[in-house]
Protein backbone atom coordinates (compact mmCIF):
# COMPACT_ATOMS: atom_id res chain seq x y z
CA MET A 1 52.16 8.60 9.57
CA GLN A 2 53.98 9.42 12.80
CA LEU A 3 51.48 9.39 15.67
CA PRO A 4 51.83 12.05 18.36
CA THR A 5 53.19 10.79 21.67
CA THR A 6 51.46 13.29 23.95
CA PHE A 7 48.04 14.86 24.20
CA ASP A 8 49.49 18.33 23.60
CA ALA A 9 51.32 17.20 20.45
CA LEU A 10 48.14 15.59 19.12
CA ILE A 11 46.08 18.73 19.71
CA LYS A 12 48.80 20.94 18.23
CA GLU A 13 48.90 18.84 15.06
CA ALA A 14 45.08 18.76 14.82
CA ASN A 15 44.92 22.54 15.16
CA GLN A 16 47.71 23.09 12.62
CA LEU A 17 45.78 21.04 10.07
CA ASN A 18 42.44 22.62 11.09
CA LEU A 19 41.13 19.17 12.01
CA TYR A 20 40.34 19.62 15.71
CA THR A 21 36.60 19.95 15.02
CA SER A 22 36.74 16.82 12.85
CA LEU A 23 38.40 14.98 15.74
CA VAL A 24 35.57 15.96 18.09
CA LYS A 25 32.97 14.95 15.47
CA GLN A 26 34.67 11.55 15.08
CA LEU A 27 34.58 11.02 18.85
CA ASN A 28 30.87 11.87 18.90
CA LYS A 29 30.19 9.54 15.98
CA ASP A 30 31.95 6.57 17.62
CA PHE A 31 30.39 7.21 21.04
CA LEU A 32 26.99 7.18 19.33
CA LEU A 33 27.85 3.94 17.48
CA ALA A 34 28.82 2.39 20.82
CA ASN A 35 25.41 3.40 22.26
CA ILE A 36 27.00 5.67 24.86
CA ASP A 37 24.77 8.63 25.49
CA PHE A 38 27.40 11.33 25.52
CA ASP A 39 28.05 14.20 23.14
CA PHE A 40 31.10 16.46 23.12
CA HIS A 41 30.27 20.03 22.09
CA GLN A 42 32.09 20.90 18.87
CA ASP A 43 33.59 24.04 20.43
CA ILE A 44 34.96 22.22 23.47
CA PRO A 45 38.44 23.50 24.39
CA PRO A 46 41.19 20.85 24.21
CA THR A 47 41.84 20.89 27.96
CA SER A 48 38.15 20.29 28.63
CA LEU A 49 38.05 17.55 26.01
CA LYS A 50 40.91 15.77 27.75
CA LEU A 51 39.28 16.10 31.17
CA VAL A 52 35.76 15.10 30.07
CA LEU A 53 36.99 12.14 28.03
CA HIS A 54 39.11 10.98 30.97
CA GLU A 55 36.15 11.25 33.36
CA THR A 56 33.88 9.43 30.92
CA VAL A 57 36.32 6.56 30.39
CA TYR A 58 36.89 6.32 34.16
CA ARG A 59 33.12 6.13 34.78
CA LEU A 60 32.70 3.50 32.06
CA ILE A 61 35.46 1.33 33.52
CA GLN A 62 33.99 1.61 37.02
CA GLU A 63 30.26 1.35 36.28
CA LYS A 64 29.65 0.06 32.74
CA PHE A 65 32.54 -2.18 31.81
CA SER A 66 30.80 -3.93 28.91
CA GLU A 67 29.99 -0.53 27.35
CA TYR A 68 33.63 0.45 27.85
CA LEU A 69 34.79 -2.66 25.99
CA ASN A 70 32.27 -2.02 23.24
CA LEU A 71 33.55 1.55 22.87
CA LEU A 72 37.13 0.30 22.50
CA TYR A 73 35.93 -2.18 19.88
CA ILE A 74 33.95 0.44 17.93
CA ILE A 75 36.86 2.90 17.97
CA ASP A 76 39.26 0.06 17.14
CA VAL A 77 41.80 0.73 19.87
CA SER A 78 44.66 -1.76 19.69
CA GLU A 79 44.10 -4.68 22.03
CA ASP A 80 47.86 -5.04 22.48
CA ALA A 81 48.13 -1.39 23.52
CA ILE A 82 45.38 -1.88 26.11
CA LYS A 83 46.99 -5.06 27.44
CA ALA A 84 50.33 -3.26 27.78
CA LEU A 85 48.84 -0.76 30.24
CA ASN A 86 49.15 -1.16 33.99
CA GLY A 87 45.68 -1.70 35.45
CA ASP A 88 46.61 -1.29 39.12
CA ASP A 89 45.46 2.34 39.28
CA VAL A 90 42.13 2.84 37.49
CA LEU A 91 42.59 6.62 37.39
CA LYS A 92 45.91 6.33 35.55
CA LEU A 93 44.55 3.53 33.39
CA SER A 94 41.58 5.64 32.29
CA GLU A 95 43.91 8.53 31.45
CA ALA A 96 46.11 6.28 29.30
CA VAL A 97 43.08 4.71 27.60
CA SER A 98 41.69 8.18 26.88
CA PHE A 99 44.89 9.06 25.06
CA LEU A 100 44.79 5.78 23.11
CA ILE A 101 41.22 6.61 22.09
CA LEU A 102 42.24 10.07 20.95
CA LYS A 103 45.22 8.70 19.03
CA ARG A 104 43.05 6.19 17.18
CA GLU A 105 40.41 8.80 16.41
CA TRP A 106 43.17 11.12 15.21
CA GLN A 107 44.40 8.40 12.84
CA LYS A 108 40.93 8.09 11.33
CA VAL A 109 40.56 11.85 10.88
CA TRP A 110 44.07 12.31 9.51
CA PHE A 111 43.74 9.48 6.96
CA ARG A 112 40.32 10.70 5.83
CA HIS A 113 41.75 14.21 5.37
CA LYS A 114 44.89 13.05 3.60
CA TYR A 115 43.25 10.65 1.17
CA ALA A 116 39.85 12.29 0.60
């Protein structure tokens, strides 16, 4: 599996395979497992998804760091990928982490679809 390198490429691939809704459902499932009281509407447009996820990750980093770490653990975001990010600018960091979250969630959805 070749993972998308941009948000737009990820969304394009999800839409082509009719898996965008499954991606949103997977996000909701993992947020619930991480005990984060947040629910993305299944009809959320991709641009809104990107913005809301970014804001949520930013808020978690700033205000609820342990919940943020738990979310990364539940989603199974690569620790090496997180460590490779520059943490000087929290806004840019949260944007990069949001994309890593989406990529990992996309992997789960894609594998489930391919091998179901």
